Protein backbone atom coordinates (compact mmCIF):
# COMPACT_ATOMS: atom_id res chain seq x y z
CA MET A 1 -11.79 14.05 -21.85
CA MET A 2 -12.03 17.29 -23.75
CA ASN A 3 -12.77 20.65 -22.14
CA ASP A 4 -16.08 21.80 -23.62
CA GLN A 5 -15.25 25.48 -23.19
CA ASN A 6 -11.94 25.78 -24.99
CA GLY A 7 -11.50 22.48 -26.84
CA ARG A 8 -8.40 21.59 -24.85
CA GLU A 9 -7.83 18.78 -22.44
CA PRO A 10 -7.74 19.50 -18.69
CA GLY A 11 -4.07 19.67 -17.81
CA ASP A 12 -3.07 21.60 -20.97
CA ARG A 13 -0.46 24.14 -19.95
CA HIS A 14 -2.65 27.00 -21.17
CA ASP A 15 -5.77 25.75 -19.38
CA SER A 16 -7.19 28.19 -16.89
CA ILE A 17 -7.43 25.49 -14.22
CA ASN A 18 -3.64 25.31 -14.09
CA GLU A 19 -2.57 29.00 -14.46
CA PRO A 20 -3.87 31.95 -12.47
CA TYR A 21 -5.56 34.64 -14.49
CA HIS A 22 -3.58 37.79 -15.21
CA GLY A 23 -5.46 40.82 -16.42
CA PRO A 24 -4.16 42.87 -19.35
CA ASP A 25 -2.74 45.51 -17.00
CA GLU A 26 -1.27 43.05 -14.54
CA PRO A 27 1.97 41.38 -15.64
CA ASP A 28 2.64 37.77 -14.78
CA ILE A 29 4.41 37.72 -11.40
CA ARG A 30 7.00 35.36 -12.85
CA GLU A 31 7.95 37.94 -15.48
CA ARG A 32 7.83 40.81 -12.96
CA GLU A 33 10.28 39.11 -10.62
CA TRP A 34 12.75 38.54 -13.45
CA GLN A 35 12.71 42.16 -14.57
CA HIS A 36 15.12 43.44 -11.94
CA GLY A 37 18.08 43.36 -14.33
CA GLU A 38 18.51 44.56 -17.86
CA ASP A 39 19.31 41.04 -19.03
CA GLY A 40 16.53 39.42 -17.02
CA VAL A 41 18.67 38.40 -14.00
CA PRO A 42 18.13 39.64 -10.43
CA ASP A 43 20.84 42.17 -9.63
CA HIS A 44 21.80 40.80 -6.24
CA ILE A 45 23.26 37.54 -7.57
CA ALA A 46 27.06 37.71 -7.83
CA ASP A 47 28.86 36.67 -11.02
CA GLU A 48 30.81 34.09 -9.02
CA GLN A 49 27.55 32.30 -8.11
CA LEU A 50 26.76 31.65 -11.78
CA THR A 51 28.32 28.28 -12.58
CA GLU A 52 27.57 28.09 -16.31
CA PRO A 53 27.11 31.14 -18.50
CA ALA A 54 24.20 30.91 -20.85
CA THR A 55 21.36 33.01 -22.11
CA PHE A 56 18.13 33.03 -20.19
CA HIS A 57 14.91 32.86 -22.22
CA PRO A 58 11.82 33.89 -20.26
CA GLU A 59 9.53 32.43 -22.89
CA GLU A 60 11.01 28.95 -22.34
CA SER A 61 10.35 29.18 -18.61
CA ALA A 62 6.81 30.29 -19.26
CA GLU A 63 6.32 27.34 -21.59
CA GLU A 64 7.50 24.79 -19.03
CA THR A 65 4.73 22.28 -18.34
CA ARG A 66 3.68 20.87 -15.02
CA GLU A 67 5.08 17.50 -16.10
CA ASP A 68 8.55 19.04 -16.72
CA ALA A 69 8.43 20.76 -13.35
CA TYR A 70 7.47 17.49 -11.69
CA ARG A 71 10.21 15.52 -13.43
CA SER A 72 12.82 18.10 -12.37
CA ASP A 73 12.13 17.23 -8.73
CA MET A 74 12.38 13.45 -9.21
CA PRO A 75 15.42 11.48 -7.93
CA GLY A 76 17.98 11.28 -10.71
CA ALA A 77 17.05 14.65 -12.17
CA ALA A 78 20.42 15.97 -10.99
CA GLU A 79 22.05 13.78 -13.66
CA LYS A 80 20.29 15.61 -16.45
CA PRO A 81 22.58 18.38 -17.86
CA ALA A 82 21.16 21.86 -17.69
CA THR A 83 19.94 23.22 -20.98
CA THR A 84 19.46 26.80 -19.87
CA GLY A 85 21.51 28.97 -17.59
CA VAL A 86 21.80 32.54 -16.39
CA ALA A 87 24.41 34.99 -17.63
CA ARG A 88 24.97 38.41 -16.36
CA GLY A 89 27.78 39.78 -18.62
CA ASN A 90 30.34 42.20 -17.40
CA ARG A 91 28.05 44.92 -16.21
CA GLU A 92 28.04 47.18 -13.23
CA ARG A 93 26.36 45.82 -10.13
CA LYS A 94 23.35 47.79 -8.92
CA LYS A 95 22.19 47.77 -5.34
CA ARG A 96 18.59 46.74 -5.28
CA GLY A 97 16.37 44.96 -2.81
CA GLY A 98 16.55 41.23 -3.67
CA ALA A 99 16.72 39.34 -0.39
CA GLY A 100 13.74 37.15 -1.32
CA TRP A 101 15.38 36.01 -4.55
CA PHE A 102 18.67 35.31 -2.81
CA GLN A 103 16.93 33.09 -0.25
CA ALA A 104 15.01 31.21 -2.95
CA ILE A 105 18.11 30.61 -5.10
CA GLY A 106 20.17 29.68 -2.06
CA GLY A 107 17.54 27.19 -0.90
CA GLY A 108 17.40 25.62 -4.37
CA VAL A 109 21.21 25.27 -4.49
CA ALA A 110 21.22 23.67 -1.03
CA GLY A 111 18.44 21.30 -2.01
CA SER A 112 20.32 20.29 -5.16
CA VAL A 113 23.47 19.59 -3.12
CA LEU A 114 21.49 17.39 -0.74
CA THR A 115 19.86 15.54 -3.65
CA LEU A 116 23.25 14.88 -5.25
CA ALA A 117 24.72 13.80 -1.92
CA ILE A 118 21.99 11.18 -1.52
CA ALA A 119 21.59 10.12 -5.16
CA VAL A 120 25.30 9.55 -5.98
CA PRO A 121 25.95 6.88 -3.31
CA LEU A 122 22.72 5.10 -4.24
CA LEU A 123 23.52 5.10 -7.94
CA ASN A 124 27.26 4.43 -7.80
CA GLY A 125 27.93 2.97 -4.38
CA ASP A 126 28.36 -0.62 -3.31
CA PRO A 127 24.91 -2.22 -2.82
CA GLY A 128 26.19 -3.83 0.29
CA GLU A 129 26.67 -0.43 1.85
CA THR A 130 23.02 0.58 1.51
CA ASN A 131 19.69 -0.84 2.58
CA ALA A 132 18.51 -1.11 -1.03
CA PRO A 133 14.95 -2.39 -1.51
CA ALA A 134 14.42 -5.84 -3.02
CA GLU A 135 14.19 -5.95 -6.81
CA SER A 136 10.61 -5.50 -7.92
CA GLY A 137 11.23 -5.72 -11.64
CA ILE A 138 9.34 -2.46 -12.16
CA GLN A 139 10.99 0.05 -14.47
CA SER A 140 10.43 3.75 -14.31
CA GLU A 141 8.92 5.41 -17.36
CA SER A 142 12.28 6.86 -18.40
CA GLU A 143 13.99 3.45 -18.12
CA GLN A 144 11.32 1.82 -20.26
CA GLN A 145 11.69 4.47 -22.93
CA SER A 146 15.47 4.15 -23.02
CA SER A 147 15.46 0.35 -23.25
CA GLY A 148 12.60 0.14 -25.74
CA GLU A 149 11.09 -2.79 -23.81
CA VAL A 150 8.61 -3.26 -21.01
CA THR A 151 10.11 -5.50 -18.36
CA LYS A 152 7.73 -7.93 -16.76
CA VAL A 153 7.52 -7.53 -13.04
CA SER A 154 7.82 -10.25 -10.46
CA LYS A 155 4.97 -12.62 -9.77
CA ASP A 156 4.18 -11.05 -6.42
CA GLY A 157 4.49 -7.50 -7.72
CA SER A 158 2.12 -7.35 -10.67
CA LEU A 159 -1.53 -8.21 -11.00
CA ALA A 160 -1.27 -7.76 -14.76
CA ASP A 161 1.58 -10.26 -15.03
CA MET A 162 -0.40 -12.85 -13.08
CA VAL A 163 -3.51 -12.32 -15.20
CA GLU A 164 -1.46 -12.66 -18.38
CA GLN A 165 -0.18 -16.05 -17.23
CA VAL A 166 -3.61 -17.31 -16.16
CA SER A 167 -6.09 -15.95 -18.69
CA GLY A 168 -5.03 -18.21 -21.55
CA SER A 169 -6.37 -21.20 -19.59
CA ILE A 170 -9.85 -19.65 -19.37
CA VAL A 171 -12.04 -20.74 -22.28
CA GLY A 172 -15.52 -20.02 -23.59
CA ILE A 173 -18.19 -22.71 -23.84
CA VAL A 174 -21.10 -22.57 -26.28
CA ASN A 175 -24.22 -24.63 -25.56
CA TYR A 176 -26.09 -25.69 -28.71
CA GLN A 177 -29.62 -27.06 -28.38
CA GLN A 178 -32.00 -28.61 -30.86
CA GLN A 179 -34.75 -26.37 -32.08
CA GLN A 180 -37.30 -27.11 -34.74
CA GLN A 181 -37.26 -24.55 -37.51
CA ARG A 182 -40.66 -23.46 -38.79
CA ASN A 183 -41.46 -24.42 -42.37
CA PRO A 184 -43.06 -21.36 -44.06
CA PHE A 185 -44.66 -23.63 -46.65
CA GLY A 186 -46.32 -25.89 -44.09
CA GLY A 187 -45.39 -29.31 -42.85
CA ALA A 188 -42.80 -30.28 -40.31
CA GLY A 189 -39.71 -28.13 -39.97
CA ASN A 190 -36.15 -29.32 -39.69
CA ASP A 191 -34.36 -29.74 -36.38
CA GLN A 192 -31.33 -27.55 -36.12
CA SER A 193 -28.74 -26.95 -33.38
CA ILE A 194 -28.56 -23.29 -32.47
CA PRO A 195 -26.57 -21.52 -29.74
CA ALA A 196 -28.68 -21.41 -26.60
CA GLY A 197 -26.13 -19.83 -24.29
CA THR A 198 -22.49 -19.28 -23.48
CA GLY A 199 -20.37 -19.66 -20.39
CA SER A 200 -16.78 -20.05 -19.26
CA GLY A 201 -14.49 -22.91 -18.36
CA VAL A 202 -11.07 -23.59 -16.83
CA VAL A 203 -8.44 -25.96 -18.22
CA PHE A 204 -8.15 -28.46 -15.37
CA LYS A 205 -6.03 -31.30 -16.69
CA LYS A 206 -4.22 -32.59 -19.76
CA ASP A 207 -3.95 -36.34 -20.00
CA GLY A 208 -2.47 -37.81 -23.14
CA GLU A 209 -4.77 -36.93 -26.01
CA ALA A 210 -7.45 -35.17 -23.97
CA ALA A 211 -7.68 -31.81 -22.25
CA TYR A 212 -10.28 -31.65 -19.47
CA ILE A 213 -12.15 -28.42 -18.76
CA VAL A 214 -14.26 -27.73 -15.66
CA THR A 215 -17.35 -25.56 -15.90
CA ASN A 216 -20.83 -25.25 -14.38
CA ASN A 217 -23.54 -27.83 -14.90
CA HIS A 218 -26.03 -25.12 -15.84
CA VAL A 219 -23.68 -23.99 -18.64
CA VAL A 220 -23.84 -27.38 -20.40
CA GLU A 221 -27.23 -28.68 -19.26
CA GLY A 222 -29.58 -29.66 -22.08
CA ALA A 223 -26.94 -29.31 -24.79
CA SER A 224 -27.11 -31.33 -27.99
CA LYS A 225 -23.64 -30.10 -28.91
CA LEU A 226 -20.86 -28.26 -27.10
CA GLU A 227 -18.09 -26.07 -28.46
CA VAL A 228 -15.08 -24.65 -26.66
CA SER A 229 -13.68 -21.27 -27.70
CA LEU A 230 -9.91 -21.23 -27.17
CA GLU A 231 -7.48 -18.40 -26.50
CA ASN A 232 -6.44 -18.15 -30.15
CA GLY A 233 -10.06 -17.71 -31.24
CA GLU A 234 -10.40 -21.23 -32.64
CA ARG A 235 -13.39 -23.36 -31.71
CA ALA A 236 -13.23 -27.06 -30.91
CA GLU A 237 -16.11 -29.48 -30.51
CA ALA A 238 -16.29 -30.78 -26.94
CA GLU A 239 -17.58 -33.96 -25.37
CA LEU A 240 -19.41 -34.00 -22.05
CA VAL A 241 -17.52 -36.21 -19.58
CA GLY A 242 -19.75 -35.80 -16.54
CA ALA A 243 -22.13 -33.39 -14.84
CA ASP A 244 -23.58 -32.99 -11.37
CA ALA A 245 -26.62 -30.77 -10.87
CA LEU A 246 -26.39 -30.47 -7.10
CA SER A 247 -22.81 -29.18 -7.05
CA ASP A 248 -23.39 -27.29 -10.34
CA LEU A 249 -20.18 -28.72 -11.78
CA ALA A 250 -19.46 -30.38 -15.11
CA VAL A 251 -16.43 -31.56 -17.08
CA VAL A 252 -15.98 -31.46 -20.86
CA ARG A 253 -13.17 -32.87 -22.95
CA VAL A 254 -11.45 -31.60 -26.12
CA ASP A 255 -8.49 -32.72 -28.19
CA ALA A 256 -5.34 -31.81 -26.24
CA LYS A 257 -3.51 -30.90 -29.45
CA LEU A 258 -5.83 -27.93 -29.89
CA VAL A 259 -5.18 -26.49 -26.42
CA ASP A 260 -1.89 -24.62 -26.05
CA ALA A 261 -2.67 -23.34 -22.56
CA GLU A 262 -1.50 -25.27 -19.54
CA PRO A 263 -3.84 -26.45 -16.76
CA LEU A 264 -4.20 -24.02 -13.89
CA ALA A 265 -3.14 -24.82 -10.34
CA PHE A 266 -5.97 -25.07 -7.81
CA GLY A 267 -5.26 -23.49 -4.42
CA ASP A 268 -6.54 -24.18 -0.92
CA SER A 269 -9.90 -22.46 -0.51
CA ASP A 270 -9.91 -23.28 3.21
CA ALA A 271 -6.98 -20.88 3.64
CA LEU A 272 -9.02 -17.93 2.37
CA ARG A 273 -9.92 -15.08 4.68
CA ALA A 274 -12.41 -12.28 4.29
CA GLY A 275 -10.56 -9.36 2.71
CA ASP A 276 -8.20 -11.45 0.56
CA SER A 277 -7.78 -10.00 -2.93
CA VAL A 278 -9.16 -12.06 -5.84
CA VAL A 279 -9.90 -11.65 -9.53
CA ALA A 280 -12.69 -13.20 -11.58
CA ILE A 281 -11.85 -14.16 -15.17
CA GLY A 282 -14.46 -15.24 -17.69
CA ASN A 283 -16.63 -14.27 -20.64
CA PRO A 284 -19.35 -11.92 -19.37
CA LEU A 285 -22.30 -11.46 -21.72
CA GLY A 286 -20.76 -13.65 -24.40
CA LEU A 287 -17.55 -14.47 -26.22
CA GLU A 288 -17.15 -10.91 -27.49
CA LEU A 289 -15.88 -9.99 -24.01
CA SER A 290 -13.83 -13.15 -23.55
CA ARG A 291 -11.34 -13.39 -20.70
CA SER A 292 -12.54 -10.21 -19.02
CA VAL A 293 -10.93 -9.56 -15.65
CA THR A 294 -12.63 -8.03 -12.62
CA GLU A 295 -10.96 -7.46 -9.28
CA GLY A 296 -12.41 -7.62 -5.79
CA ILE A 297 -12.02 -9.22 -2.40
CA VAL A 298 -13.35 -12.25 -0.59
CA SER A 299 -16.43 -10.92 1.21
CA ALA A 300 -17.11 -14.15 3.14
CA THR A 301 -15.63 -17.63 3.02
CA ASP A 302 -18.47 -19.95 3.98
CA ARG A 303 -21.89 -18.87 2.76
CA SER A 304 -24.83 -21.23 2.32
CA ILE A 305 -27.09 -20.33 -0.60
CA SER A 306 -30.32 -22.16 -1.39
CA VAL A 307 -30.64 -22.82 -5.13
CA ASP A 308 -33.09 -24.63 -7.36
CA THR A 309 -31.42 -27.26 -9.53
CA SER A 310 -32.69 -29.84 -11.99
CA ALA A 311 -32.19 -32.39 -9.20
CA GLY A 312 -34.21 -30.39 -6.69
CA GLU A 313 -33.55 -27.64 -4.19
CA TRP A 314 -30.08 -27.67 -2.74
CA GLU A 315 -28.02 -25.63 -0.32
CA MET A 316 -24.64 -24.77 -1.80
CA SER A 317 -21.61 -23.85 0.25
CA VAL A 318 -19.94 -20.97 -1.59
CA ILE A 319 -17.35 -18.19 -1.41
CA GLN A 320 -18.83 -14.69 -1.53
CA THR A 321 -16.96 -12.01 -3.49
CA ASP A 322 -17.57 -8.48 -4.68
CA ALA A 323 -15.64 -9.07 -7.91
CA ALA A 324 -18.14 -8.49 -10.71
CA ILE A 325 -19.71 -11.73 -11.95
CA ASN A 326 -22.20 -11.52 -14.81
CA GLN A 327 -24.00 -13.87 -17.17
CA GLY A 328 -21.33 -15.70 -19.12
CA ASN A 329 -18.88 -15.65 -16.20
CA SER A 330 -20.38 -18.93 -14.98
CA GLY A 331 -17.75 -21.64 -15.00
CA GLY A 332 -14.88 -19.16 -14.99
CA ALA A 333 -12.13 -18.90 -12.41
CA LEU A 334 -11.91 -17.00 -9.15
CA VAL A 335 -8.15 -16.58 -8.73
CA ASN A 336 -5.97 -15.50 -5.81
CA MET A 337 -2.93 -13.25 -6.13
CA ASN A 338 -0.65 -16.27 -6.63
CA GLY A 339 -2.50 -17.23 -9.80
CA GLU A 340 -4.23 -20.22 -8.16
CA VAL A 341 -7.88 -21.05 -8.77
CA ILE A 342 -9.66 -20.92 -5.44
CA GLY A 343 -13.21 -21.09 -6.81
CA ILE A 344 -15.39 -21.69 -9.86
CA ASN A 345 -17.73 -18.75 -10.41
CA SER A 346 -21.30 -19.98 -10.33
CA LEU A 347 -23.99 -17.45 -9.45
CA LYS A 348 -24.82 -13.95 -8.29
CA ILE A 349 -27.64 -12.16 -6.57
CA GLY A 350 -28.94 -9.31 -8.69
CA GLY A 351 -31.72 -6.78 -8.61
CA SER A 352 -32.38 -3.14 -7.93
CA GLY A 353 -30.15 -1.86 -5.15
CA VAL A 354 -28.01 -5.02 -5.10
CA GLU A 355 -24.33 -4.82 -5.97
CA GLY A 356 -21.25 -6.95 -5.43
CA LEU A 357 -22.89 -10.25 -4.46
CA GLY A 358 -21.17 -12.95 -6.48
CA PHE A 359 -20.54 -16.53 -5.43
CA ALA A 360 -18.04 -19.21 -6.37
CA ILE A 361 -17.79 -22.93 -5.60
CA PRO A 362 -14.74 -23.46 -3.32
CA SER A 363 -11.78 -25.17 -4.98
CA ASN A 364 -11.57 -27.76 -2.19
CA ASP A 365 -15.10 -28.88 -3.14
CA VAL A 366 -14.40 -28.68 -6.88
CA VAL A 367 -11.26 -30.80 -7.17
CA PRO A 368 -12.50 -34.14 -5.72
CA LEU A 369 -15.81 -33.94 -7.60
CA VAL A 370 -14.10 -33.12 -10.91
CA GLU A 371 -11.57 -35.92 -10.47
CA GLU A 372 -14.41 -38.32 -9.74
CA MET A 373 -16.26 -37.26 -12.89
CA ILE A 374 -13.11 -37.66 -15.00
CA GLU A 375 -12.56 -41.13 -13.58
CA SER A 376 -16.11 -42.50 -13.59
CA GLY A 377 -18.24 -40.02 -15.53
CA HIS A 378 -20.48 -39.17 -12.61
CA VAL A 379 -20.57 -38.23 -8.93
CA GLU A 380 -21.58 -41.17 -6.80
CA ARG A 381 -23.93 -40.30 -3.98
CA PRO A 382 -26.16 -42.32 -1.68
CA TYR A 383 -29.43 -43.03 -3.45
CA ALA A 384 -32.75 -43.71 -1.74
CA GLY A 385 -34.94 -43.64 -4.84
CA ILE A 386 -37.78 -41.35 -3.80
CA SER A 387 -39.47 -38.20 -5.07
CA MET A 388 -40.93 -35.91 -2.44
CA TYR A 389 -42.63 -32.67 -1.41
CA ASP A 390 -42.21 -30.63 1.74
CA VAL A 391 -44.99 -31.30 4.25
CA ALA A 392 -45.36 -27.56 4.82
CA GLN A 393 -46.43 -27.14 1.17
CA ILE A 394 -49.21 -29.76 1.21
CA PRO A 395 -52.78 -29.15 2.46
CA ARG A 396 -53.49 -31.20 5.61
CA GLY A 397 -56.36 -33.02 3.93
CA TYR A 398 -53.91 -34.90 1.72
CA LEU A 399 -51.76 -36.16 4.59
CA LYS A 400 -53.97 -39.12 5.63
CA GLY A 401 -54.22 -38.78 9.37
CA LEU A 402 -50.86 -37.17 10.06
CA PRO A 403 -50.94 -35.92 13.71
CA ASN A 404 -51.57 -32.19 13.98
CA ASP A 405 -48.38 -31.66 15.93
CA ILE A 406 -46.31 -32.88 12.93
CA SER A 407 -45.76 -29.87 10.71
CA GLN A 408 -42.37 -30.71 9.21
CA GLY A 409 -40.97 -33.53 7.14
CA VAL A 410 -41.25 -34.78 3.54
CA TYR A 411 -44.19 -36.39 1.80
CA ILE A 412 -43.28 -39.32 -0.48
CA ALA A 413 -44.86 -38.65 -3.88
CA GLY A 414 -43.19 -41.52 -5.72
CA VAL A 415 -40.87 -44.48 -5.18
CA ASP A 416 -38.36 -46.03 -7.58
CA PRO A 417 -39.23 -49.74 -7.51
CA GLU A 418 -35.54 -50.61 -7.93
CA GLY A 419 -34.36 -48.08 -5.34
CA ALA A 420 -33.21 -48.58 -1.78
CA ALA A 421 -36.33 -47.03 -0.21
CA ALA A 422 -38.70 -49.39 -2.03
CA LYS A 423 -36.57 -52.38 -1.08
CA GLY A 424 -36.64 -51.24 2.54
CA GLY A 425 -40.43 -50.91 2.57
CA ILE A 426 -41.10 -47.18 2.17
CA LYS A 427 -44.27 -46.49 0.17
CA GLU A 428 -45.92 -43.64 -1.66
CA GLY A 429 -47.90 -41.47 0.77
CA ASP A 430 -45.52 -41.98 3.69
CA VAL A 431 -44.17 -38.98 5.59
CA ILE A 432 -40.51 -39.07 6.65
CA THR A 433 -39.75 -36.95 9.73
CA ALA A 434 -36.26 -38.18 10.74
CA ILE A 435 -33.25 -40.22 9.63
CA ASP A 436 -31.10 -41.80 12.35
CA ASP A 437 -32.98 -39.61 14.86
CA GLU A 438 -31.89 -36.50 12.96
CA GLU A 439 -34.97 -34.35 12.34
CA ILE A 440 -35.79 -33.82 8.68
CA GLU A 441 -37.57 -30.50 8.16
CA ASP A 442 -37.82 -30.58 4.38
CA GLY A 443 -36.40 -32.10 1.21
CA GLN A 444 -33.27 -29.98 1.33
CA ALA A 445 -32.50 -31.23 4.85
CA LEU A 446 -33.01 -34.83 3.71
CA ARG A 447 -30.55 -34.44 0.80
CA ARG A 448 -28.04 -32.64 2.97
CA TYR A 449 -28.05 -35.45 5.52
CA LEU A 450 -27.89 -38.20 2.89
CA TYR A 451 -25.02 -36.66 0.94
CA SER A 452 -23.04 -35.21 3.85
CA GLU A 453 -23.40 -37.82 6.57
CA LEU A 454 -23.94 -41.09 4.73
CA GLU A 455 -22.18 -43.12 2.05
CA VAL A 456 -23.21 -45.74 -0.45
CA GLY A 457 -23.84 -49.01 1.37
CA ASP A 458 -24.65 -47.42 4.74
CA GLN A 459 -27.81 -48.45 6.56
CA ALA A 460 -29.98 -45.60 7.79
CA VAL A 461 -33.12 -45.76 9.92
CA PHE A 462 -36.02 -43.70 8.52
CA THR A 463 -38.73 -42.48 10.93
CA VAL A 464 -41.99 -42.68 8.95
CA TYR A 465 -45.65 -41.82 9.57
CA ARG A 466 -48.07 -44.01 7.62
CA GLU A 467 -51.82 -43.42 8.00
CA GLY A 468 -51.18 -41.61 11.27
CA LYS A 469 -48.94 -44.31 12.79
CA LYS A 470 -45.26 -43.87 13.50
CA THR A 471 -42.80 -46.55 12.42
CA GLU A 472 -39.07 -46.95 11.81
CA ILE A 473 -37.77 -48.51 8.61
CA PRO A 474 -34.09 -49.47 8.03
CA VAL A 475 -32.85 -48.72 4.51
CA THR A 476 -29.53 -49.79 2.98
CA LEU A 477 -28.55 -47.00 0.62
CA GLY A 478 -27.62 -47.68 -2.97
CA SER A 479 -26.02 -45.39 -5.54
CA SER A 480 -27.07 -43.66 -8.71
CA LYS A 481 -24.82 -42.90 -11.69
CA ALA A 482 -26.80 -39.80 -12.53
CA THR A 483 -27.96 -37.12 -10.15
CA SER A 484 -31.47 -37.96 -9.04
CA PRO A 485 -34.04 -36.31 -6.78
CA SER A 486 -32.71 -38.22 -3.76
């Protein structure tokens, strides 16, 4: 940053913020102190105390920068040979008051002796004789300059080293959708695939000829074509393997020969604690900012966020972080300090006055669902075969005699004739208030119970009101290959 007043950078050795002002009639105190002797040396210092004759140049001392002064106090500075010294010559000693200078020089000599006494054993002694710190792999600036190389630090010692190892396995994903182009001369236009959005993905697995990449369902939803942007800038056409709207996860596949990066390790998200350091890696706002890294902490480990999906409203269990997550980060990795993926970035809460509210799908939820999609192409869940509305959202006049004390439940708006509910006897217009005596407040509660407590093939007892009468209907749950309303 340039100083607007004098055109110099703050920290320049002539900048007024670093040197006190001296008026034209007031000599610099540094020069005044060195004017005791004719040759610029205080008179009280004996010739025998001068270890190396040389010529003192006041202008060189005045030109010394703050950086040089700082380096002269660093450990190891005692090894650097002196370039300037103090000479007196064979002149007659004059008795002048110089006690302050003698104390300053004496203190400096004593300090130098102590520094040498400590530094020499550390540099030349037997390591077994000292409590030397463990090797960190970090070089000082002077060591880097002398070797001409930058040594990579240990895995536990460098965030940058970890990011370098991980970021190549983070890819960009482009969602192309069909759009009809307008014909300026009239008539029907041509359909053309155009980019509708971009997101991120993580290399999850390489298996023979295919590389599998995990991302968010909302990144790939509605795509007529998918492309993956790789670390080297190349793009490869991708095939959708499976997608699940409720978990907001999807898997795409590309030719393994095109992917040089190795799959990332997935860590244990249950071991996370609030305050753990994490980084988010992805492509915020598009591929131009690919593999951007933001750092933060785990703000909370087990949040429940209600989201609207193409399969209906759902309550997601997520990790909360303050690492910046923006559009385009979706599907990217939330990584711990060991370079393990502990979450797939999925959503954020934004708005005026809102900062640092990002959310990721826990890795322990991601891995089994992704493996299931790779194996079968879908996530198998219990399927009842109904579409529904919350009772609280429907005017009472449409509820056909539902008792006034029933204010919660789901209204059945439609029934799949081949689904489990229809086979069990549930009809359109029924109101479900409980399953296996577990109260059902709304559609989200019904899905949560079905998918968390029941499995395909289980029999569940539905408590139903039909034309004001309460009844219980057993239903043997089926399965659906694609995510459905319930």
